Amino acid sequence: MADGSEIRSRINSVSETKKVTDAMYMISSVKMTRARREVEKTEPYFTALKKEISSLFRHIPETSNRYFKVPEPPPGQHLNHGILMITSDKGLAGAYNHTVISVCESIMARHPQTVLFVVGEYGRRYFMSKKIPIVPEFRYSAEFPTVLKAKMICSDLLEYYGSGRLDEINIVYTDYKSGKPSECKRNVLLPLKRSRFASDEKDEYPDEVEFFPDPDTVLAGIVPSYLTGFVYSCLVDSYCSEQEARMNAMSTAGKNADQMLADLRRRYNSIRQAAITREMTEITAGARALKHKSKGSAEV
């Protein structure tokens, strides 16, 4: 059984650990609030951009634009798939990273030659440890998502897609819903479908629309900006989900630390009480012995 000094040392150690978990909880809370504030500033622009594409499609019966061209694999061959996977840079976020990686691995099981674009150091280290190849020059942090970072990511993906090295690109991320459990999602980033822009809203261009130089060129100029907004939204959703997962993990760790501290303090107080009782017993026994001794001396 541990003595009082050992238990006191453990109490101090657990108390210091709890201070760290509480601090990490507060930091994650601040990060999530800031990220949501930033995305709210840019959301109207990308929403308007999607609405603009929807309006344009009402005047474009058909398009041969590469972003909307669904490829057909040659006989006996498969499409070249790519995955943009968003993980975190660090652990201590519960099952957040493992869920994303699990979804990604299930896709790769069906398409072994998948090209992996990994955002976040955690995912990169995981696949490197498994000897699974990833795009080495694609090195983006999951920390503090910005529109510029999303634009650079889209530029890299479009380079692969435009050169024909990939026929389809999926994005695997964690969707954030305030007050609800986060959900890992898989969406097709490219090629796009017209149905994605279907809308019942009134057409902003009721009259005939002319495109200069042509509809495909107009779409080619707008779509990258739309994809940037979509990727940025996924980055922020994943980042907020990561912070929420970390907050939950730190909250659970804090509760466990409180329970451990209560147990350790009970044990420490029990040992102290036993020591005090023992000392009082020894003092009482010593006093009784001295009393008997003094009484015997008086009788002599």
C-alpha atoms as a PDB file:
ATOM      1  CA  MET A   1       0.000   0.000   0.000  1.00  0.00           C
ATOM      2  CA  ALA A   2       1.334   3.462  -0.921  1.00  0.00           C
ATOM      3  CA  ASP A   3       2.282   5.741   1.959  1.00  0.00           C
ATOM      4  CA  GLY A   4       1.091   9.332   2.447  1.00  0.00           C
ATOM      5  CA  SER A   5       3.991  10.964   0.615  1.00  0.00           C
ATOM      6  CA  GLU A   6       3.468   8.814  -2.495  1.00  0.00           C
ATOM      7  CA  ILE A   7      -0.255   9.541  -2.587  1.00  0.00           C
ATOM      8  CA  ARG A   8       0.385  13.264  -2.065  1.00  0.00           C
ATOM      9  CA  SER A   9       2.804  13.169  -5.003  1.00  0.00           C
ATOM     10  CA  ARG A  10       0.185  11.454  -7.177  1.00  0.00           C
ATOM     11  CA  ILE A  11      -2.416  14.044  -6.161  1.00  0.00           C
ATOM     12  CA  ASN A  12      -0.084  16.837  -7.271  1.00  0.00           C
ATOM     13  CA  SER A  13       0.649  15.027 -10.554  1.00  0.00           C
ATOM     14  CA  VAL A  14      -3.038  14.448 -11.376  1.00  0.00           C
ATOM     15  CA  SER A  15      -3.861  18.047 -10.417  1.00  0.00           C
ATOM     16  CA  GLU A  16      -1.229  19.351 -12.851  1.00  0.00           C
ATOM     17  CA  THR A  17      -2.548  17.067 -15.592  1.00  0.00           C
ATOM     18  CA  LYS A  18      -6.080  18.331 -14.991  1.00  0.00           C
ATOM     19  CA  LYS A  19      -4.867  21.909 -15.397  1.00  0.00           C
ATOM     20  CA  VAL A  20      -3.495  20.938 -18.833  1.00  0.00           C
ATOM     21  CA  THR A  21      -6.734  19.230 -19.939  1.00  0.00           C
ATOM     22  CA  ASP A  22      -8.802  22.208 -18.755  1.00  0.00           C
ATOM     23  CA  ALA A  23      -6.512  24.587 -20.662  1.00  0.00           C
ATOM     24  CA  MET A  24      -6.739  22.439 -23.824  1.00  0.00           C
ATOM     25  CA  TYR A  25     -10.528  22.447 -23.524  1.00  0.00           C
ATOM     26  CA  MET A  26     -10.619  26.242 -23.390  1.00  0.00           C
ATOM     27  CA  ILE A  27      -8.152  26.593 -26.288  1.00  0.00           C
ATOM     28  CA  SER A  28     -10.221  24.262 -28.496  1.00  0.00           C
ATOM     29  CA  SER A  29     -13.365  26.197 -27.614  1.00  0.00           C
ATOM     30  CA  VAL A  30     -11.768  29.494 -28.667  1.00  0.00           C
ATOM     31  CA  LYS A  31     -10.394  27.979 -31.901  1.00  0.00           C
ATOM     32  CA  MET A  32     -13.783  26.578 -32.879  1.00  0.00           C
ATOM     33  CA  THR A  33     -15.555  29.890 -32.221  1.00  0.00           C
ATOM     34  CA  ARG A  34     -13.005  31.789 -34.287  1.00  0.00           C
ATOM     35  CA  ALA A  35     -13.235  29.341 -37.205  1.00  0.00           C
ATOM     36  CA  ARG A  36     -17.030  29.570 -37.312  1.00  0.00           C
ATOM     37  CA  ARG A  37     -16.802  33.362 -37.263  1.00  0.00           C
ATOM     38  CA  GLU A  38     -14.422  33.344 -40.232  1.00  0.00           C
ATOM     39  CA  VAL A  39     -16.551  31.017 -42.344  1.00  0.00           C
ATOM     40  CA  GLU A  40     -19.622  33.164 -41.687  1.00  0.00           C
ATOM     41  CA  LYS A  41     -17.818  36.080 -43.324  1.00  0.00           C
ATOM     42  CA  THR A  42     -17.174  34.202 -46.580  1.00  0.00           C
ATOM     43  CA  GLU A  43     -20.287  32.016 -46.728  1.00  0.00           C
ATOM     44  CA  PRO A  44     -22.512  34.631 -48.476  1.00  0.00           C
ATOM     45  CA  TYR A  45     -20.014  34.945 -51.349  1.00  0.00           C
ATOM     46  CA  PHE A  46     -19.801  31.222 -52.080  1.00  0.00           C
ATOM     47  CA  THR A  47     -23.561  30.810 -51.645  1.00  0.00           C
ATOM     48  CA  ALA A  48     -24.113  33.554 -54.216  1.00  0.00           C
ATOM     49  CA  LEU A  49     -21.568  31.868 -56.509  1.00  0.00           C
ATOM     50  CA  LYS A  50     -23.471  28.566 -56.403  1.00  0.00           C
ATOM     51  CA  LYS A  51     -26.700  30.452 -57.085  1.00  0.00           C
ATOM     52  CA  GLU A  52     -25.032  32.142 -60.072  1.00  0.00           C
ATOM     53  CA  ILE A  53     -23.996  28.796 -61.556  1.00  0.00           C
ATOM     54  CA  SER A  54     -27.535  27.521 -61.013  1.00  0.00           C
ATOM     55  CA  SER A  55     -28.931  30.498 -62.950  1.00  0.00           C
ATOM     56  CA  LEU A  56     -26.430  30.024 -65.769  1.00  0.00           C
ATOM     57  CA  PHE A  57     -27.354  26.383 -66.203  1.00  0.00           C
ATOM     58  CA  ARG A  58     -30.915  27.361 -67.031  1.00  0.00           C
ATOM     59  CA  HIS A  59     -29.476  28.851 -70.230  1.00  0.00           C
ATOM     60  CA  ILE A  60     -26.962  26.091 -70.970  1.00  0.00           C
ATOM     61  CA  PRO A  61     -28.788  23.029 -72.322  1.00  0.00           C
ATOM     62  CA  GLU A  62     -25.605  21.020 -72.685  1.00  0.00           C
ATOM     63  CA  THR A  63     -21.975  21.458 -71.725  1.00  0.00           C
ATOM     64  CA  SER A  64     -18.759  19.714 -72.623  1.00  0.00           C
ATOM     65  CA  ASN A  65     -16.930  21.445 -69.798  1.00  0.00           C
ATOM     66  CA  ARG A  66     -14.316  19.121 -68.296  1.00  0.00           C
ATOM     67  CA  TYR A  67     -15.552  19.807 -64.759  1.00  0.00           C
ATOM     68  CA  PHE A  68     -18.933  18.299 -65.646  1.00  0.00           C
ATOM     69  CA  LYS A  69     -17.775  15.536 -67.940  1.00  0.00           C
ATOM     70  CA  VAL A  70     -18.393  12.118 -66.390  1.00  0.00           C
ATOM     71  CA  PRO A  71     -15.663   9.837 -67.768  1.00  0.00           C
ATOM     72  CA  GLU A  72     -16.309   6.348 -69.079  1.00  0.00           C
ATOM     73  CA  PRO A  73     -13.522   3.844 -68.416  1.00  0.00           C
ATOM     74  CA  PRO A  74     -12.181   1.877 -71.372  1.00  0.00           C
ATOM     75  CA  PRO A  75     -13.349  -1.758 -71.591  1.00  0.00           C
ATOM     76  CA  GLY A  76     -11.722  -3.857 -68.905  1.00  0.00           C
ATOM     77  CA  GLN A  77     -10.213  -0.851 -67.143  1.00  0.00           C
ATOM     78  CA  HIS A  78     -11.107   1.248 -64.109  1.00  0.00           C
ATOM     79  CA  LEU A  79     -11.327   4.963 -63.463  1.00  0.00           C
ATOM     80  CA  ASN A  80      -8.389   6.680 -61.794  1.00  0.00           C
ATOM     81  CA  HIS A  81      -9.606   7.736 -58.349  1.00  0.00           C
ATOM     82  CA  GLY A  82      -8.242  10.334 -55.982  1.00  0.00           C
ATOM     83  CA  ILE A  83      -9.174  11.139 -52.376  1.00  0.00           C
ATOM     84  CA  LEU A  84      -8.740  14.407 -50.527  1.00  0.00           C
ATOM     85  CA  MET A  85      -8.779  13.318 -46.881  1.00  0.00           C
ATOM     86  CA  ILE A  86      -8.898  15.837 -44.021  1.00  0.00           C
ATOM     87  CA  THR A  87      -7.445  14.799 -40.659  1.00  0.00           C
ATOM     88  CA  SER A  88      -5.920  16.803 -37.819  1.00  0.00           C
ATOM     89  CA  ASP A  89      -2.304  17.690 -37.131  1.00  0.00           C
ATOM     90  CA  LYS A  90      -2.397  16.207 -33.621  1.00  0.00           C
ATOM     91  CA  GLY A  91      -4.085  13.447 -31.687  1.00  0.00           C
ATOM     92  CA  LEU A  92      -5.992  13.662 -28.384  1.00  0.00           C
ATOM     93  CA  ALA A  93      -9.242  14.132 -30.313  1.00  0.00           C
ATOM     94  CA  GLY A  94     -11.074  10.918 -29.502  1.00  0.00           C
ATOM     95  CA  ALA A  95     -12.143   8.888 -32.538  1.00  0.00           C
ATOM     96  CA  TYR A  96     -12.072  11.890 -34.893  1.00  0.00           C
ATOM     97  CA  ASN A  97      -9.052  10.819 -36.974  1.00  0.00           C
ATOM     98  CA  HIS A  98      -9.722   7.077 -36.814  1.00  0.00           C
ATOM     99  CA  THR A  99     -13.226   7.520 -38.244  1.00  0.00           C
ATOM    100  CA  VAL A 100     -11.959   9.497 -41.250  1.00  0.00           C
ATOM    101  CA  ILE A 101      -9.122   7.053 -41.870  1.00  0.00           C
ATOM    102  CA  SER A 102     -11.518   4.096 -41.652  1.00  0.00           C
ATOM    103  CA  VAL A 103     -13.811   5.589 -44.322  1.00  0.00           C
ATOM    104  CA  CYS A 104     -10.811   6.339 -46.525  1.00  0.00           C
ATOM    105  CA  GLU A 105      -9.446   2.783 -46.174  1.00  0.00           C
ATOM    106  CA  SER A 106     -12.832   1.304 -47.100  1.00  0.00           C
ATOM    107  CA  ILE A 107     -12.781   3.310 -50.351  1.00  0.00           C
ATOM    108  CA  MET A 108      -9.209   2.260 -51.063  1.00  0.00           C
ATOM    109  CA  ALA A 109     -10.162  -1.384 -50.558  1.00  0.00           C
ATOM    110  CA  ARG A 110     -12.434  -1.046 -53.612  1.00  0.00           C
ATOM    111  CA  HIS A 111      -9.966   1.100 -55.568  1.00  0.00           C
ATOM    112  CA  PRO A 112      -6.410  -0.010 -54.622  1.00  0.00           C
ATOM    113  CA  GLN A 113      -4.696   2.455 -56.981  1.00  0.00           C
ATOM    114  CA  THR A 114      -6.299   5.497 -55.350  1.00  0.00           C
ATOM    115  CA  VAL A 115      -4.137   8.639 -55.217  1.00  0.00           C
ATOM    116  CA  LEU A 116      -4.165  10.056 -51.675  1.00  0.00           C
ATOM    117  CA  PHE A 117      -4.086  13.784 -50.928  1.00  0.00           C
ATOM    118  CA  VAL A 118      -3.866  14.089 -47.143  1.00  0.00           C
ATOM    119  CA  VAL A 119      -4.481  17.275 -45.167  1.00  0.00           C
ATOM    120  CA  GLY A 120      -3.175  17.030 -41.597  1.00  0.00           C
ATOM    121  CA  GLU A 121      -0.011  15.575 -40.132  1.00  0.00           C
ATOM    122  CA  TYR A 122      -1.847  12.799 -38.289  1.00  0.00           C
ATOM    123  CA  GLY A 123      -3.150  11.239 -41.504  1.00  0.00           C
ATOM    124  CA  ARG A 124       0.199  11.590 -43.272  1.00  0.00           C
ATOM    125  CA  ARG A 125       2.051   9.825 -40.463  1.00  0.00           C
ATOM    126  CA  TYR A 126      -0.546   7.081 -40.302  1.00  0.00           C
ATOM    127  CA  PHE A 127      -0.309   6.171 -43.998  1.00  0.00           C
ATOM    128  CA  MET A 128       3.466   6.516 -44.003  1.00  0.00           C
ATOM    129  CA  SER A 129       3.660   4.075 -41.078  1.00  0.00           C
ATOM    130  CA  LYS A 130       1.492   1.652 -43.078  1.00  0.00           C
ATOM    131  CA  LYS A 131       3.741   2.073 -46.147  1.00  0.00           C
ATOM    132  CA  ILE A 132       0.751   3.354 -48.134  1.00  0.00           C
ATOM    133  CA  PRO A 133       1.862   5.913 -50.756  1.00  0.00           C
ATOM    134  CA  ILE A 134       0.492   9.454 -50.584  1.00  0.00           C
ATOM    135  CA  VAL A 135       1.228  12.516 -52.716  1.00  0.00           C
ATOM    136  CA  PRO A 136       4.482  13.648 -51.013  1.00  0.00           C
ATOM    137  CA  GLU A 137       4.467  17.262 -52.191  1.00  0.00           C
ATOM    138  CA  PHE A 138       0.888  17.761 -50.993  1.00  0.00           C
ATOM    139  CA  ARG A 139       1.644  19.003 -47.476  1.00  0.00           C
ATOM    140  CA  TYR A 140      -1.077  21.171 -45.960  1.00  0.00           C
ATOM    141  CA  SER A 141      -1.756  21.715 -42.278  1.00  0.00           C
ATOM    142  CA  ALA A 142      -5.257  21.294 -40.863  1.00  0.00           C
ATOM    143  CA  GLU A 143      -4.645  24.139 -38.421  1.00  0.00           C
ATOM    144  CA  PHE A 144      -6.377  27.482 -39.054  1.00  0.00           C
ATOM    145  CA  PRO A 145      -8.137  26.852 -42.404  1.00  0.00           C
ATOM    146  CA  THR A 146      -8.242  29.835 -44.745  1.00  0.00           C
ATOM    147  CA  VAL A 147      -9.664  30.587 -48.184  1.00  0.00           C
ATOM    148  CA  LEU A 148      -6.111  30.940 -49.514  1.00  0.00           C
ATOM    149  CA  LYS A 149      -5.216  27.457 -48.282  1.00  0.00           C
ATOM    150  CA  ALA A 150      -8.387  26.055 -49.861  1.00  0.00           C
ATOM    151  CA  LYS A 151      -7.493  27.794 -53.143  1.00  0.00           C
ATOM    152  CA  MET A 152      -4.010  26.249 -53.139  1.00  0.00           C
ATOM    153  CA  ILE A 153      -5.453  22.795 -52.399  1.00  0.00           C
ATOM    154  CA  CYS A 154      -7.938  23.153 -55.269  1.00  0.00           C
ATOM    155  CA  SER A 155      -5.159  24.274 -57.591  1.00  0.00           C
ATOM    156  CA  ASP A 156      -3.202  21.083 -56.876  1.00  0.00           C
ATOM    157  CA  LEU A 157      -6.261  18.873 -57.335  1.00  0.00           C
ATOM    158  CA  LEU A 158      -7.296  20.590 -60.569  1.00  0.00           C
ATOM    159  CA  GLU A 159      -3.792  20.095 -61.939  1.00  0.00           C
ATOM    160  CA  TYR A 160      -4.132  16.341 -61.473  1.00  0.00           C
ATOM    161  CA  TYR A 161      -7.689  16.322 -62.806  1.00  0.00           C
ATOM    162  CA  GLY A 162      -7.022  18.608 -65.762  1.00  0.00           C
ATOM    163  CA  SER A 163      -3.989  16.590 -66.882  1.00  0.00           C
ATOM    164  CA  GLY A 164      -6.055  13.414 -67.010  1.00  0.00           C
ATOM    165  CA  ARG A 165      -4.174  11.661 -64.218  1.00  0.00           C
ATOM    166  CA  LEU A 166      -7.437  11.419 -62.253  1.00  0.00           C
ATOM    167  CA  ASP A 167     -10.963  10.791 -63.505  1.00  0.00           C
ATOM    168  CA  GLU A 168     -12.729  11.260 -60.178  1.00  0.00           C
ATOM    169  CA  ILE A 169     -11.794  13.004 -56.921  1.00  0.00           C
ATOM    170  CA  ASN A 170     -13.609  12.353 -53.657  1.00  0.00           C
ATOM    171  CA  ILE A 171     -13.339  14.365 -50.484  1.00  0.00           C
ATOM    172  CA  VAL A 172     -13.567  12.666 -47.077  1.00  0.00           C
ATOM    173  CA  TYR A 173     -14.140  15.069 -44.204  1.00  0.00           C
ATOM    174  CA  THR A 174     -16.072  15.445 -40.943  1.00  0.00           C
ATOM    175  CA  ASP A 175     -19.262  17.449 -41.178  1.00  0.00           C
ATOM    176  CA  TYR A 176     -19.874  19.756 -38.232  1.00  0.00           C
ATOM    177  CA  LYS A 177     -23.371  20.444 -36.937  1.00  0.00           C
ATOM    178  CA  SER A 178     -23.586  22.612 -33.836  1.00  0.00           C
ATOM    179  CA  GLY A 179     -25.144  20.704 -30.965  1.00  0.00           C
ATOM    180  CA  LYS A 180     -25.193  17.412 -32.892  1.00  0.00           C
ATOM    181  CA  PRO A 181     -22.660  14.558 -33.197  1.00  0.00           C
ATOM    182  CA  SER A 182     -20.200  15.135 -36.036  1.00  0.00           C
ATOM    183  CA  GLU A 183     -20.484  12.801 -39.024  1.00  0.00           C
ATOM    184  CA  CYS A 184     -17.778  11.653 -41.400  1.00  0.00           C
ATOM    185  CA  LYS A 185     -18.868  12.255 -44.998  1.00  0.00           C
ATOM    186  CA  ARG A 186     -17.670  11.355 -48.463  1.00  0.00           C
ATOM    187  CA  ASN A 187     -18.591  13.614 -51.384  1.00  0.00           C
ATOM    188  CA  VAL A 188     -17.570  13.596 -55.029  1.00  0.00           C
ATOM    189  CA  LEU A 189     -15.571  16.759 -55.599  1.00  0.00           C
ATOM    190  CA  LEU A 190     -15.012  16.196 -59.329  1.00  0.00           C
ATOM    191  CA  PRO A 191     -16.626  15.714 -61.779  1.00  0.00           C
ATOM    192  CA  LEU A 192     -19.582  17.904 -60.836  1.00  0.00           C
ATOM    193  CA  LYS A 193     -23.194  17.118 -61.700  1.00  0.00           C
ATOM    194  CA  ARG A 194     -25.757  19.594 -62.945  1.00  0.00           C
ATOM    195  CA  SER A 195     -28.202  18.292 -60.339  1.00  0.00           C
ATOM    196  CA  ARG A 196     -25.896  19.699 -57.675  1.00  0.00           C
ATOM    197  CA  PHE A 197     -26.929  23.175 -58.765  1.00  0.00           C
ATOM    198  CA  ALA A 198     -30.639  22.503 -59.194  1.00  0.00           C
ATOM    199  CA  SER A 199     -32.769  25.225 -57.638  1.00  0.00           C
ATOM    200  CA  ASP A 200     -36.420  26.253 -57.512  1.00  0.00           C
ATOM    201  CA  GLU A 201     -35.557  29.918 -57.054  1.00  0.00           C
ATOM    202  CA  LYS A 202     -36.562  32.485 -59.636  1.00  0.00           C
ATOM    203  CA  ASP A 203     -34.124  32.893 -62.516  1.00  0.00           C
ATOM    204  CA  GLU A 204     -32.069  36.078 -62.225  1.00  0.00           C
ATOM    205  CA  TYR A 205     -31.752  36.154 -66.025  1.00  0.00           C
ATOM    206  CA  PRO A 206     -35.277  35.664 -67.430  1.00  0.00           C
ATOM    207  CA  ASP A 207     -34.243  36.885 -70.881  1.00  0.00           C
ATOM    208  CA  GLU A 208     -31.878  35.210 -73.288  1.00  0.00           C
ATOM    209  CA  VAL A 209     -28.291  35.155 -72.071  1.00  0.00           C
ATOM    210  CA  GLU A 210     -25.197  35.432 -74.274  1.00  0.00           C
ATOM    211  CA  PHE A 211     -21.883  33.951 -73.201  1.00  0.00           C
ATOM    212  CA  PHE A 212     -18.531  35.392 -74.213  1.00  0.00           C
ATOM    213  CA  PRO A 213     -16.583  33.756 -75.605  1.00  0.00           C
ATOM    214  CA  ASP A 214     -18.705  30.619 -74.903  1.00  0.00           C
ATOM    215  CA  PRO A 215     -20.529  28.846 -72.020  1.00  0.00           C
ATOM    216  CA  ASP A 216     -17.707  26.352 -71.349  1.00  0.00           C
ATOM    217  CA  THR A 217     -15.161  29.159 -70.905  1.00  0.00           C
ATOM    218  CA  VAL A 218     -17.497  30.997 -68.529  1.00  0.00           C
ATOM    219  CA  LEU A 219     -18.013  27.858 -66.445  1.00  0.00           C
ATOM    220  CA  ALA A 220     -14.273  27.143 -66.480  1.00  0.00           C
ATOM    221  CA  GLY A 221     -13.718  30.556 -64.887  1.00  0.00           C
ATOM    222  CA  ILE A 222     -16.395  30.183 -62.206  1.00  0.00           C
ATOM    223  CA  VAL A 223     -16.130  26.539 -61.142  1.00  0.00           C
ATOM    224  CA  PRO A 224     -12.636  26.748 -59.525  1.00  0.00           C
ATOM    225  CA  SER A 225     -13.921  29.505 -57.236  1.00  0.00           C
ATOM    226  CA  TYR A 226     -16.946  27.397 -56.339  1.00  0.00           C
ATOM    227  CA  LEU A 227     -14.712  24.382 -55.592  1.00  0.00           C
ATOM    228  CA  THR A 228     -12.486  26.602 -53.442  1.00  0.00           C
ATOM    229  CA  GLY A 229     -15.521  27.596 -51.386  1.00  0.00           C
ATOM    230  CA  PHE A 230     -16.640  23.988 -51.058  1.00  0.00           C
ATOM    231  CA  VAL A 231     -13.199  22.786 -49.953  1.00  0.00           C
ATOM    232  CA  TYR A 232     -12.914  25.723 -47.538  1.00  0.00           C
ATOM    233  CA  SER A 233     -16.265  24.786 -46.000  1.00  0.00           C
ATOM    234  CA  CYS A 234     -15.075  21.168 -45.594  1.00  0.00           C
ATOM    235  CA  LEU A 235     -11.810  22.323 -44.009  1.00  0.00           C
ATOM    236  CA  VAL A 236     -13.662  24.494 -41.496  1.00  0.00           C
ATOM    237  CA  ASP A 237     -16.258  21.788 -40.740  1.00  0.00           C
ATOM    238  CA  SER A 238     -13.469  19.280 -40.119  1.00  0.00           C
ATOM    239  CA  TYR A 239     -11.522  21.771 -38.011  1.00  0.00           C
ATOM    240  CA  CYS A 240     -14.575  22.554 -35.863  1.00  0.00           C
ATOM    241  CA  SER A 241     -15.355  18.848 -35.519  1.00  0.00           C
ATOM    242  CA  GLU A 242     -11.762  18.248 -34.433  1.00  0.00           C
ATOM    243  CA  GLN A 243     -11.989  20.947 -31.779  1.00  0.00           C
ATOM    244  CA  GLU A 244     -15.328  19.601 -30.559  1.00  0.00           C
ATOM    245  CA  ALA A 245     -13.898  16.075 -30.386  1.00  0.00           C
ATOM    246  CA  ARG A 246     -10.901  17.388 -28.467  1.00  0.00           C
ATOM    247  CA  MET A 247     -13.178  19.329 -26.103  1.00  0.00           C
ATOM    248  CA  ASN A 248     -15.165  16.148 -25.420  1.00  0.00           C
ATOM    249  CA  ALA A 249     -11.967  14.158 -24.876  1.00  0.00           C
ATOM    250  CA  MET A 250     -10.548  16.787 -22.514  1.00  0.00           C
ATOM    251  CA  SER A 251     -13.865  17.060 -20.675  1.00  0.00           C
ATOM    252  CA  THR A 252     -13.904  13.298 -20.128  1.00  0.00           C
ATOM    253  CA  ALA A 253     -10.264  13.375 -19.029  1.00  0.00           C
ATOM    254  CA  GLY A 254     -11.084  16.191 -16.590  1.00  0.00           C
ATOM    255  CA  LYS A 255     -13.981  14.239 -15.091  1.00  0.00           C
ATOM    256  CA  ASN A 256     -11.780  11.162 -14.740  1.00  0.00           C
ATOM    257  CA  ALA A 257      -9.116  13.302 -13.067  1.00  0.00           C
ATOM    258  CA  ASP A 258     -11.698  14.681 -10.611  1.00  0.00           C
ATOM    259  CA  GLN A 259     -12.801  11.165  -9.749  1.00  0.00           C
ATOM    260  CA  MET A 260      -9.206  10.027  -9.341  1.00  0.00           C
ATOM    261  CA  LEU A 261      -8.397  13.027  -7.146  1.00  0.00           C
ATOM    262  CA  ALA A 262     -11.427  12.338  -4.943  1.00  0.00           C
ATOM    263  CA  ASP A 263     -10.303   8.718  -4.535  1.00  0.00           C
ATOM    264  CA  LEU A 264      -6.690   9.694  -3.823  1.00  0.00           C
ATOM    265  CA  ARG A 265      -7.738  12.323  -1.274  1.00  0.00           C
ATOM    266  CA  ARG A 266      -9.953   9.772   0.464  1.00  0.00           C
ATOM    267  CA  ARG A 267      -7.038   7.361   0.675  1.00  0.00           C
ATOM    268  CA  TYR A 268      -4.693  10.132   1.804  1.00  0.00           C
ATOM    269  CA  ASN A 269      -7.117  11.290   4.520  1.00  0.00           C
ATOM    270  CA  SER A 270      -7.612   7.677   5.615  1.00  0.00           C
ATOM    271  CA  ILE A 271      -3.848   7.222   5.975  1.00  0.00           C
ATOM    272  CA  ARG A 272      -3.558  10.516   7.864  1.00  0.00           C
ATOM    273  CA  GLN A 273      -6.397   9.574  10.206  1.00  0.00           C
ATOM    274  CA  ALA A 274      -4.815   6.159  10.798  1.00  0.00           C
ATOM    275  CA  ALA A 275      -1.480   7.836  11.555  1.00  0.00           C
ATOM    276  CA  ILE A 276      -3.122  10.317  13.952  1.00  0.00           C
ATOM    277  CA  THR A 277      -5.036   7.502  15.659  1.00  0.00           C
ATOM    278  CA  ARG A 278      -1.844   5.496  15.989  1.00  0.00           C
ATOM    279  CA  GLU A 279       0.016   8.473  17.476  1.00  0.00           C
ATOM    280  CA  MET A 280      -2.810   9.154  19.924  1.00  0.00           C
ATOM    281  CA  THR A 281      -2.849   5.490  20.908  1.00  0.00           C
ATOM    282  CA  GLU A 282       0.913   5.548  21.455  1.00  0.00           C
ATOM    283  CA  ILE A 283       0.673   8.769  23.485  1.00  0.00           C
ATOM    284  CA  THR A 284      -2.179   7.348  25.585  1.00  0.00           C
ATOM    285  CA  ALA A 285      -0.315   4.111  26.114  1.00  0.00           C
ATOM    286  CA  GLY A 286       2.847   6.002  27.067  1.00  0.00           C
ATOM    287  CA  ALA A 287       0.952   8.233  29.492  1.00  0.00           C
ATOM    288  CA  ARG A 288      -0.695   5.202  31.069  1.00  0.00           C
ATOM    289  CA  ALA A 289       2.668   3.487  31.432  1.00  0.00           C
ATOM    290  CA  LEU A 290       4.187   6.565  33.071  1.00  0.00           C
ATOM    291  CA  LYS A 291       1.222   6.774  35.442  1.00  0.00           C
ATOM    292  CA  HIS A 292       1.624   3.160  36.492  1.00  0.00           C
ATOM    293  CA  LYS A 293       5.339   3.680  36.896  1.00  0.00           C
ATOM    294  CA  SER A 294       4.922   6.789  39.052  1.00  0.00           C
ATOM    295  CA  LYS A 295       2.270   5.007  41.173  1.00  0.00           C
ATOM    296  CA  GLY A 296       4.654   2.080  41.759  1.00  0.00           C
ATOM    297  CA  SER A 297       7.446   4.408  42.781  1.00  0.00           C
ATOM    298  CA  ALA A 298       5.139   6.155  45.295  1.00  0.00           C
ATOM    299  CA  GLU A 299       4.120   2.863  46.909  1.00  0.00           C
ATOM    300  CA  VAL A 300       7.769   1.944  47.412  1.00  0.00           C
END
